Amino acid sequence: MSLRTDIDGKRVLLLGACGVLGRRHAAILAEHGARLAIADRPGSDVMALAAELGAHGIEIDATDEAAMVAGVAAAVGALGGLDGAIFNAAVTGEALARQGGDPFPPFEEYPLSLWQTTMDVNLTGAFLFAREAGRALKAQGGGSLINVASIYGIVGPDHRIYDGQPFKSFPGYAASKAGLIGLTRWLATWWAESQVRVNSVSPGGVYNGHDARFAEAYGNRTPMGRMADKDEITGILIYLLSDSSRYCTGQNFAIDGGLTAW
């Protein structure tokens, strides 16, 4: 087996393709020769993005078990199998801010409904995706399952840097991402003998037009002194999808400019 970091011809399903990072993941994976099926929630522009990239597009509601079962099966059928699967769907602070209302109340007043909405996508959705994609990977003798977590599943946020910002760090996000890292490790040991490798990737803050004050405050929290660029996260996905990582499972990769090293 080749040890090249090469994903040319790899059959990959990416769920959560229409967000800030998802679009770059999809584009870069396609540029590197992956045969892609990309998925996102109904009402997203996933079908248009798929047409642009020459990928298979699928609408999947990550909170709907039947939709997940059918969607993953459709991807496997369209690609003729599966070599890798990436769970990148998430309820994020910036997404909640765009919806309006008051999505960031003090913890002492935090509603169960908002907590549950976050868990339904970020953790239960990941469980459903892993079950269906993992079954397909196991059936064909192995592959790579990657969960996109967050540094806030590893460390607590510095709430001060969010003062005056339209979005905040919120408890359901941190708890769900920590749970996702735990699920990753459990699955890695469960499927190891089936040659299904399971790893997670925990990005730090990614610059997406943030105001200068926030970007500076966040950068001051990292040894590298800045937020990540959108293109700086996908490299680890390419490694984990490739045969170069064939002995790597159960790991969480923090791509954070050194923030969690402090």
C-alpha atoms as a PDB file:
ATOM      1  CA  MET A   1       0.000   0.000   0.000  1.00  0.00           C
ATOM      2  CA  SER A   2       1.257   3.454  -0.905  1.00  0.00           C
ATOM      3  CA  LEU A   3       2.181   5.822   1.912  1.00  0.00           C
ATOM      4  CA  ARG A   4       1.728   8.912  -0.247  1.00  0.00           C
ATOM      5  CA  THR A   5      -0.490  11.677   1.074  1.00  0.00           C
ATOM      6  CA  ASP A   6      -2.681  11.314  -1.966  1.00  0.00           C
ATOM      7  CA  ILE A   7      -6.478  11.239  -2.135  1.00  0.00           C
ATOM      8  CA  ASP A   8      -6.843  11.095  -5.911  1.00  0.00           C
ATOM      9  CA  GLY A   9      -9.808   8.833  -6.655  1.00  0.00           C
ATOM     10  CA  LYS A  10     -10.805   8.438  -2.999  1.00  0.00           C
ATOM     11  CA  ARG A  11     -14.576   8.243  -2.556  1.00  0.00           C
ATOM     12  CA  VAL A  12     -15.481  10.774   0.126  1.00  0.00           C
ATOM     13  CA  LEU A  13     -18.747  11.919   1.703  1.00  0.00           C
ATOM     14  CA  LEU A  14     -18.701  15.363   3.349  1.00  0.00           C
ATOM     15  CA  LEU A  15     -21.707  16.323   5.486  1.00  0.00           C
ATOM     16  CA  GLY A  16     -21.799  20.029   6.274  1.00  0.00           C
ATOM     17  CA  ALA A  17     -20.490  21.350   2.962  1.00  0.00           C
ATOM     18  CA  CYS A  18     -22.120  24.769   2.803  1.00  0.00           C
ATOM     19  CA  GLY A  19     -20.620  26.551   5.805  1.00  0.00           C
ATOM     20  CA  VAL A  20     -17.501  28.693   5.994  1.00  0.00           C
ATOM     21  CA  LEU A  21     -15.124  25.742   6.312  1.00  0.00           C
ATOM     22  CA  GLY A  22     -17.275  23.196   4.518  1.00  0.00           C
ATOM     23  CA  ARG A  23     -17.071  25.061   1.221  1.00  0.00           C
ATOM     24  CA  ARG A  24     -13.299  25.231   1.386  1.00  0.00           C
ATOM     25  CA  HIS A  25     -13.043  21.582   2.414  1.00  0.00           C
ATOM     26  CA  ALA A  26     -15.205  20.572  -0.544  1.00  0.00           C
ATOM     27  CA  ALA A  27     -13.315  22.705  -3.042  1.00  0.00           C
ATOM     28  CA  ILE A  28      -9.855  21.638  -1.876  1.00  0.00           C
ATOM     29  CA  LEU A  29     -10.761  17.954  -1.689  1.00  0.00           C
ATOM     30  CA  ALA A  30     -12.114  18.175  -5.234  1.00  0.00           C
ATOM     31  CA  GLU A  31      -8.924  19.937  -6.382  1.00  0.00           C
ATOM     32  CA  HIS A  32      -6.930  17.029  -4.941  1.00  0.00           C
ATOM     33  CA  GLY A  33      -8.856  14.494  -6.979  1.00  0.00           C
ATOM     34  CA  ALA A  34     -11.341  13.115  -4.462  1.00  0.00           C
ATOM     35  CA  ARG A  35     -14.579  11.714  -5.835  1.00  0.00           C
ATOM     36  CA  LEU A  36     -17.016  13.686  -3.732  1.00  0.00           C
ATOM     37  CA  ALA A  37     -20.540  13.434  -2.450  1.00  0.00           C
ATOM     38  CA  ILE A  38     -21.403  16.575  -0.497  1.00  0.00           C
ATOM     39  CA  ALA A  39     -24.401  17.008   1.751  1.00  0.00           C
ATOM     40  CA  ASP A  40     -26.092  19.745   3.737  1.00  0.00           C
ATOM     41  CA  ARG A  41     -29.495  20.538   5.169  1.00  0.00           C
ATOM     42  CA  PRO A  42     -32.597  21.002   3.009  1.00  0.00           C
ATOM     43  CA  GLY A  43     -32.861  24.608   1.863  1.00  0.00           C
ATOM     44  CA  SER A  44     -29.094  25.054   1.580  1.00  0.00           C
ATOM     45  CA  ASP A  45     -27.371  25.587  -1.759  1.00  0.00           C
ATOM     46  CA  VAL A  46     -25.678  22.188  -1.634  1.00  0.00           C
ATOM     47  CA  MET A  47     -27.011  21.122  -5.031  1.00  0.00           C
ATOM     48  CA  ALA A  48     -25.626  24.243  -6.725  1.00  0.00           C
ATOM     49  CA  LEU A  49     -22.282  23.792  -4.960  1.00  0.00           C
ATOM     50  CA  ALA A  50     -22.157  20.160  -6.052  1.00  0.00           C
ATOM     51  CA  ALA A  51     -22.783  21.143  -9.665  1.00  0.00           C
ATOM     52  CA  GLU A  52     -19.998  23.720  -9.449  1.00  0.00           C
ATOM     53  CA  LEU A  53     -17.522  21.152  -8.102  1.00  0.00           C
ATOM     54  CA  GLY A  54     -18.594  18.198 -10.207  1.00  0.00           C
ATOM     55  CA  ALA A  55     -19.693  16.382  -7.056  1.00  0.00           C
ATOM     56  CA  HIS A  56     -22.819  14.476  -6.099  1.00  0.00           C
ATOM     57  CA  GLY A  57     -25.159  16.673  -4.049  1.00  0.00           C
ATOM     58  CA  ILE A  58     -27.460  15.338  -1.328  1.00  0.00           C
ATOM     59  CA  GLU A  59     -29.803  17.081   1.101  1.00  0.00           C
ATOM     60  CA  ILE A  60     -29.595  15.584   4.595  1.00  0.00           C
ATOM     61  CA  ASP A  61     -31.196  16.881   7.782  1.00  0.00           C
ATOM     62  CA  ALA A  62     -28.671  15.760  10.398  1.00  0.00           C
ATOM     63  CA  THR A  63     -31.411  15.544  13.044  1.00  0.00           C
ATOM     64  CA  ASP A  64     -33.614  13.192  11.003  1.00  0.00           C
ATOM     65  CA  GLU A  65     -32.669   9.524  11.325  1.00  0.00           C
ATOM     66  CA  ALA A  66     -34.513   8.413   8.201  1.00  0.00           C
ATOM     67  CA  ALA A  67     -32.942  11.214   6.166  1.00  0.00           C
ATOM     68  CA  MET A  68     -29.483  10.256   7.415  1.00  0.00           C
ATOM     69  CA  VAL A  69     -29.966   6.591   6.556  1.00  0.00           C
ATOM     70  CA  ALA A  70     -31.241   7.425   3.073  1.00  0.00           C
ATOM     71  CA  GLY A  71     -28.684  10.167   2.454  1.00  0.00           C
ATOM     72  CA  VAL A  72     -25.620   8.115   3.331  1.00  0.00           C
ATOM     73  CA  ALA A  73     -26.973   5.206   1.294  1.00  0.00           C
ATOM     74  CA  ALA A  74     -27.460   7.557  -1.659  1.00  0.00           C
ATOM     75  CA  ALA A  75     -23.862   8.747  -1.367  1.00  0.00           C
ATOM     76  CA  VAL A  76     -22.524   5.201  -1.218  1.00  0.00           C
ATOM     77  CA  GLY A  77     -24.595   4.279  -4.251  1.00  0.00           C
ATOM     78  CA  ALA A  78     -23.544   7.330  -6.245  1.00  0.00           C
ATOM     79  CA  LEU A  79     -19.853   6.841  -5.486  1.00  0.00           C
ATOM     80  CA  GLY A  80     -19.876   3.065  -5.783  1.00  0.00           C
ATOM     81  CA  GLY A  81     -18.587   2.681  -2.240  1.00  0.00           C
ATOM     82  CA  LEU A  82     -16.915   4.829   0.385  1.00  0.00           C
ATOM     83  CA  ASP A  83     -13.284   5.389   1.362  1.00  0.00           C
ATOM     84  CA  GLY A  84     -13.775   8.326   3.698  1.00  0.00           C
ATOM     85  CA  ALA A  85     -16.512  10.252   5.486  1.00  0.00           C
ATOM     86  CA  ILE A  86     -16.334  13.654   7.176  1.00  0.00           C
ATOM     87  CA  PHE A  87     -18.883  14.955   9.690  1.00  0.00           C
ATOM     88  CA  ASN A  88     -18.713  18.754   9.529  1.00  0.00           C
ATOM     89  CA  ALA A  89     -22.315  19.700  10.359  1.00  0.00           C
ATOM     90  CA  ALA A  90     -22.762  21.979  13.363  1.00  0.00           C
ATOM     91  CA  VAL A  91     -24.834  24.601  15.089  1.00  0.00           C
ATOM     92  CA  THR A  92     -22.326  27.433  15.635  1.00  0.00           C
ATOM     93  CA  GLY A  93     -22.407  30.776  17.392  1.00  0.00           C
ATOM     94  CA  GLU A  94     -22.206  32.709  14.149  1.00  0.00           C
ATOM     95  CA  ALA A  95     -25.090  30.696  12.675  1.00  0.00           C
ATOM     96  CA  LEU A  96     -27.227  31.400  15.735  1.00  0.00           C
ATOM     97  CA  ALA A  97     -26.385  35.108  15.573  1.00  0.00           C
ATOM     98  CA  ARG A  98     -27.647  35.280  11.992  1.00  0.00           C
ATOM     99  CA  GLN A  99     -31.013  33.903  13.088  1.00  0.00           C
ATOM    100  CA  GLY A 100     -31.639  36.875  15.365  1.00  0.00           C
ATOM    101  CA  GLY A 101     -33.464  36.863  18.673  1.00  0.00           C
ATOM    102  CA  ASP A 102     -31.444  36.243  21.830  1.00  0.00           C
ATOM    103  CA  PRO A 103     -29.478  33.027  21.256  1.00  0.00           C
ATOM    104  CA  PHE A 104     -26.809  33.782  23.889  1.00  0.00           C
ATOM    105  CA  PRO A 105     -28.547  34.326  27.237  1.00  0.00           C
ATOM    106  CA  PRO A 106     -26.578  33.949  30.480  1.00  0.00           C
ATOM    107  CA  PHE A 107     -26.067  30.310  31.411  1.00  0.00           C
ATOM    108  CA  GLU A 108     -28.332  30.747  34.425  1.00  0.00           C
ATOM    109  CA  GLU A 109     -31.170  31.537  31.994  1.00  0.00           C
ATOM    110  CA  TYR A 110     -30.174  29.192  29.176  1.00  0.00           C
ATOM    111  CA  PRO A 111     -33.228  27.414  27.694  1.00  0.00           C
ATOM    112  CA  LEU A 112     -33.335  23.652  27.349  1.00  0.00           C
ATOM    113  CA  SER A 113     -34.714  24.045  23.822  1.00  0.00           C
ATOM    114  CA  LEU A 114     -31.569  25.810  22.590  1.00  0.00           C
ATOM    115  CA  TRP A 115     -29.342  23.285  24.338  1.00  0.00           C
ATOM    116  CA  GLN A 116     -31.258  20.428  22.733  1.00  0.00           C
ATOM    117  CA  THR A 117     -31.205  21.989  19.254  1.00  0.00           C
ATOM    118  CA  THR A 118     -27.417  22.177  19.427  1.00  0.00           C
ATOM    119  CA  MET A 119     -27.037  18.628  20.712  1.00  0.00           C
ATOM    120  CA  ASP A 120     -29.416  17.261  18.079  1.00  0.00           C
ATOM    121  CA  VAL A 121     -27.127  18.440  15.269  1.00  0.00           C
ATOM    122  CA  ASN A 122     -23.648  18.495  16.773  1.00  0.00           C
ATOM    123  CA  LEU A 123     -23.698  15.215  18.672  1.00  0.00           C
ATOM    124  CA  THR A 124     -26.760  13.129  17.822  1.00  0.00           C
ATOM    125  CA  GLY A 125     -26.256  13.978  14.156  1.00  0.00           C
ATOM    126  CA  ALA A 126     -22.654  12.837  14.466  1.00  0.00           C
ATOM    127  CA  PHE A 127     -23.807   9.562  16.026  1.00  0.00           C
ATOM    128  CA  LEU A 128     -26.246   8.914  13.183  1.00  0.00           C
ATOM    129  CA  PHE A 129     -23.659   9.810  10.542  1.00  0.00           C
ATOM    130  CA  ALA A 130     -20.986   7.628  12.133  1.00  0.00           C
ATOM    131  CA  ARG A 131     -23.346   4.681  12.401  1.00  0.00           C
ATOM    132  CA  GLU A 132     -24.360   4.810   8.741  1.00  0.00           C
ATOM    133  CA  ALA A 133     -21.023   5.820   7.201  1.00  0.00           C
ATOM    134  CA  GLY A 134     -19.104   3.507   9.503  1.00  0.00           C
ATOM    135  CA  ARG A 135     -21.269   0.577   8.488  1.00  0.00           C
ATOM    136  CA  ALA A 136     -20.428   1.258   4.845  1.00  0.00           C
ATOM    137  CA  LEU A 137     -16.708   1.618   5.547  1.00  0.00           C
ATOM    138  CA  LYS A 138     -16.650  -1.588   7.589  1.00  0.00           C
ATOM    139  CA  ALA A 139     -18.510  -3.525   4.905  1.00  0.00           C
ATOM    140  CA  GLN A 140     -15.844  -2.803   2.319  1.00  0.00           C
ATOM    141  CA  GLY A 141     -12.890  -3.552   4.570  1.00  0.00           C
ATOM    142  CA  GLY A 142     -11.986  -0.204   6.101  1.00  0.00           C
ATOM    143  CA  GLY A 143     -11.576   3.509   5.539  1.00  0.00           C
ATOM    144  CA  SER A 144     -11.421   6.822   7.361  1.00  0.00           C
ATOM    145  CA  LEU A 145     -14.118   8.565   9.401  1.00  0.00           C
ATOM    146  CA  ILE A 146     -13.326  12.130  10.471  1.00  0.00           C
ATOM    147  CA  ASN A 147     -15.307  14.226  12.950  1.00  0.00           C
ATOM    148  CA  VAL A 148     -14.808  17.989  12.944  1.00  0.00           C
ATOM    149  CA  ALA A 149     -14.808  19.083  16.582  1.00  0.00           C
ATOM    150  CA  SER A 150     -13.371  22.305  18.073  1.00  0.00           C
ATOM    151  CA  ILE A 151     -10.750  23.583  20.466  1.00  0.00           C
ATOM    152  CA  TYR A 152     -13.703  24.411  22.718  1.00  0.00           C
ATOM    153  CA  GLY A 153     -14.164  20.685  23.126  1.00  0.00           C
ATOM    154  CA  ILE A 154     -10.671  20.676  24.669  1.00  0.00           C
ATOM    155  CA  VAL A 155     -10.372  23.958  26.582  1.00  0.00           C
ATOM    156  CA  GLY A 156     -12.759  26.574  27.885  1.00  0.00           C
ATOM    157  CA  PRO A 157     -13.204  29.863  26.010  1.00  0.00           C
ATOM    158  CA  ASP A 158     -11.923  33.238  27.121  1.00  0.00           C
ATOM    159  CA  HIS A 159     -15.349  34.874  27.322  1.00  0.00           C
ATOM    160  CA  ARG A 160     -13.793  38.336  27.474  1.00  0.00           C
ATOM    161  CA  ILE A 161     -12.840  38.329  23.786  1.00  0.00           C
ATOM    162  CA  TYR A 162     -16.522  38.029  22.838  1.00  0.00           C
ATOM    163  CA  ASP A 163     -17.550  41.235  24.617  1.00  0.00           C
ATOM    164  CA  GLY A 164     -19.299  43.516  22.140  1.00  0.00           C
ATOM    165  CA  GLN A 165     -19.470  40.834  19.446  1.00  0.00           C
ATOM    166  CA  PRO A 166     -22.741  39.708  17.806  1.00  0.00           C
ATOM    167  CA  PHE A 167     -21.847  36.057  18.530  1.00  0.00           C
ATOM    168  CA  LYS A 168     -20.652  34.320  21.682  1.00  0.00           C
ATOM    169  CA  SER A 169     -19.252  31.040  22.852  1.00  0.00           C
ATOM    170  CA  PHE A 170     -22.174  29.032  24.223  1.00  0.00           C
ATOM    171  CA  PRO A 171     -22.438  25.961  26.457  1.00  0.00           C
ATOM    172  CA  GLY A 172     -24.117  23.534  24.083  1.00  0.00           C
ATOM    173  CA  TYR A 173     -21.358  24.009  21.528  1.00  0.00           C
ATOM    174  CA  ALA A 174     -18.544  23.261  23.964  1.00  0.00           C
ATOM    175  CA  ALA A 175     -20.323  20.271  25.482  1.00  0.00           C
ATOM    176  CA  SER A 176     -21.260  18.791  22.108  1.00  0.00           C
ATOM    177  CA  LYS A 177     -17.745  19.139  20.726  1.00  0.00           C
ATOM    178  CA  ALA A 178     -16.227  17.544  23.831  1.00  0.00           C
ATOM    179  CA  GLY A 179     -18.729  14.735  23.411  1.00  0.00           C
ATOM    180  CA  LEU A 180     -17.779  14.380  19.757  1.00  0.00           C
ATOM    181  CA  ILE A 181     -14.125  13.903  20.689  1.00  0.00           C
ATOM    182  CA  GLY A 182     -15.177  11.242  23.190  1.00  0.00           C
ATOM    183  CA  LEU A 183     -17.345   9.497  20.604  1.00  0.00           C
ATOM    184  CA  THR A 184     -14.404   9.554  18.193  1.00  0.00           C
ATOM    185  CA  ARG A 185     -12.172   7.700  20.627  1.00  0.00           C
ATOM    186  CA  TRP A 186     -14.851   5.145  21.447  1.00  0.00           C
ATOM    187  CA  LEU A 187     -15.498   4.424  17.786  1.00  0.00           C
ATOM    188  CA  ALA A 188     -11.773   4.178  17.064  1.00  0.00           C
ATOM    189  CA  THR A 189     -11.406   1.283  19.484  1.00  0.00           C
ATOM    190  CA  TRP A 190     -14.690  -0.305  18.386  1.00  0.00           C
ATOM    191  CA  TRP A 191     -13.790  -0.401  14.691  1.00  0.00           C
ATOM    192  CA  ALA A 192     -10.006  -0.788  14.860  1.00  0.00           C
ATOM    193  CA  GLU A 193     -10.035  -4.482  13.973  1.00  0.00           C
ATOM    194  CA  SER A 194     -12.255  -3.675  10.985  1.00  0.00           C
ATOM    195  CA  GLN A 195      -9.613  -1.235   9.673  1.00  0.00           C
ATOM    196  CA  VAL A 196     -11.983   1.718  10.030  1.00  0.00           C
ATOM    197  CA  ARG A 197      -9.911   4.593  11.380  1.00  0.00           C
ATOM    198  CA  VAL A 198     -11.734   7.290  13.356  1.00  0.00           C
ATOM    199  CA  ASN A 199     -10.140  10.628  14.210  1.00  0.00           C
ATOM    200  CA  SER A 200     -11.286  14.130  15.043  1.00  0.00           C
ATOM    201  CA  VAL A 201     -10.021  17.542  14.003  1.00  0.00           C
ATOM    202  CA  SER A 202     -10.384  20.522  16.335  1.00  0.00           C
ATOM    203  CA  PRO A 203      -9.939  23.848  14.541  1.00  0.00           C
ATOM    204  CA  GLY A 204      -9.207  27.039  16.383  1.00  0.00           C
ATOM    205  CA  GLY A 205     -10.755  30.344  15.378  1.00  0.00           C
ATOM    206  CA  VAL A 206     -10.956  30.792  11.607  1.00  0.00           C
ATOM    207  CA  TYR A 207     -10.981  34.315  10.181  1.00  0.00           C
ATOM    208  CA  ASN A 208     -14.206  35.084   8.350  1.00  0.00           C
ATOM    209  CA  GLY A 209     -14.378  38.855   8.131  1.00  0.00           C
ATOM    210  CA  HIS A 210     -14.345  39.351  11.895  1.00  0.00           C
ATOM    211  CA  ASP A 211     -13.857  42.898  13.090  1.00  0.00           C
ATOM    212  CA  ALA A 212     -10.306  43.962  13.815  1.00  0.00           C
ATOM    213  CA  ARG A 213     -10.817  44.113  17.576  1.00  0.00           C
ATOM    214  CA  PHE A 214     -11.956  40.499  17.800  1.00  0.00           C
ATOM    215  CA  ALA A 215      -9.271  39.232  15.400  1.00  0.00           C
ATOM    216  CA  GLU A 216      -6.585  40.975  17.454  1.00  0.00           C
ATOM    217  CA  ALA A 217      -7.969  39.754  20.776  1.00  0.00           C
ATOM    218  CA  TYR A 218      -8.172  36.196  19.510  1.00  0.00           C
ATOM    219  CA  GLY A 219      -4.727  36.393  17.931  1.00  0.00           C
ATOM    220  CA  ASN A 220      -3.260  37.515  21.240  1.00  0.00           C
ATOM    221  CA  ARG A 221      -4.482  34.222  22.727  1.00  0.00           C
ATOM    222  CA  THR A 222      -2.431  32.132  20.266  1.00  0.00           C
ATOM    223  CA  PRO A 223       1.339  31.595  20.078  1.00  0.00           C
ATOM    224  CA  MET A 224       1.197  32.213  16.300  1.00  0.00           C
ATOM    225  CA  GLY A 225      -0.526  35.530  16.938  1.00  0.00           C
ATOM    226  CA  ARG A 226      -3.448  35.254  14.516  1.00  0.00           C
ATOM    227  CA  MET A 227      -6.620  33.446  13.542  1.00  0.00           C
ATOM    228  CA  ALA A 228      -6.480  30.612  11.020  1.00  0.00           C
ATOM    229  CA  ASP A 229      -7.065  31.126   7.333  1.00  0.00           C
ATOM    230  CA  LYS A 230      -9.959  29.144   5.843  1.00  0.00           C
ATOM    231  CA  ASP A 231      -7.550  27.046   3.773  1.00  0.00           C
ATOM    232  CA  GLU A 232      -5.369  26.007   6.714  1.00  0.00           C
ATOM    233  CA  ILE A 233      -7.685  23.344   8.130  1.00  0.00           C
ATOM    234  CA  THR A 234      -8.203  21.069   5.127  1.00  0.00           C
ATOM    235  CA  GLY A 235      -4.627  19.758   5.018  1.00  0.00           C
ATOM    236  CA  ILE A 236      -5.183  17.536   8.038  1.00  0.00           C
ATOM    237  CA  LEU A 237      -8.297  16.107   6.372  1.00  0.00           C
ATOM    238  CA  ILE A 238      -6.253  15.184   3.307  1.00  0.00           C
ATOM    239  CA  TYR A 239      -3.704  13.438   5.524  1.00  0.00           C
ATOM    240  CA  LEU A 240      -6.375  11.523   7.427  1.00  0.00           C
ATOM    241  CA  LEU A 241      -8.143  10.467   4.230  1.00  0.00           C
ATOM    242  CA  SER A 242      -4.889   9.289   2.658  1.00  0.00           C
ATOM    243  CA  ASP A 243      -2.984   6.048   3.135  1.00  0.00           C
ATOM    244  CA  SER A 244      -0.256   7.998   4.931  1.00  0.00           C
ATOM    245  CA  SER A 245      -2.411   7.883   8.065  1.00  0.00           C
ATOM    246  CA  ARG A 246      -3.227   4.175   7.905  1.00  0.00           C
ATOM    247  CA  TYR A 247      -1.885   3.557  11.457  1.00  0.00           C
ATOM    248  CA  CYS A 248      -3.531   6.646  12.942  1.00  0.00           C
ATOM    249  CA  THR A 249      -6.798   6.251  14.821  1.00  0.00           C
ATOM    250  CA  GLY A 250      -8.437   7.596  17.966  1.00  0.00           C
ATOM    251  CA  GLN A 251      -6.601  10.922  17.785  1.00  0.00           C
ATOM    252  CA  ASN A 252      -7.803  14.500  18.075  1.00  0.00           C
ATOM    253  CA  PHE A 253      -5.802  16.994  16.017  1.00  0.00           C
ATOM    254  CA  ALA A 254      -5.907  20.582  17.290  1.00  0.00           C
ATOM    255  CA  ILE A 255      -5.289  22.947  14.367  1.00  0.00           C
ATOM    256  CA  ASP A 256      -5.135  26.074  16.454  1.00  0.00           C
ATOM    257  CA  GLY A 257      -1.912  28.017  16.000  1.00  0.00           C
ATOM    258  CA  GLY A 258      -0.707  26.609  19.316  1.00  0.00           C
ATOM    259  CA  LEU A 259      -3.571  27.956  21.441  1.00  0.00           C
ATOM    260  CA  THR A 260      -4.066  24.721  23.365  1.00  0.00           C
ATOM    261  CA  ALA A 261      -0.303  24.449  23.985  1.00  0.00           C
ATOM    262  CA  TRP A 262      -0.481  27.407  26.384  1.00  0.00           C
END
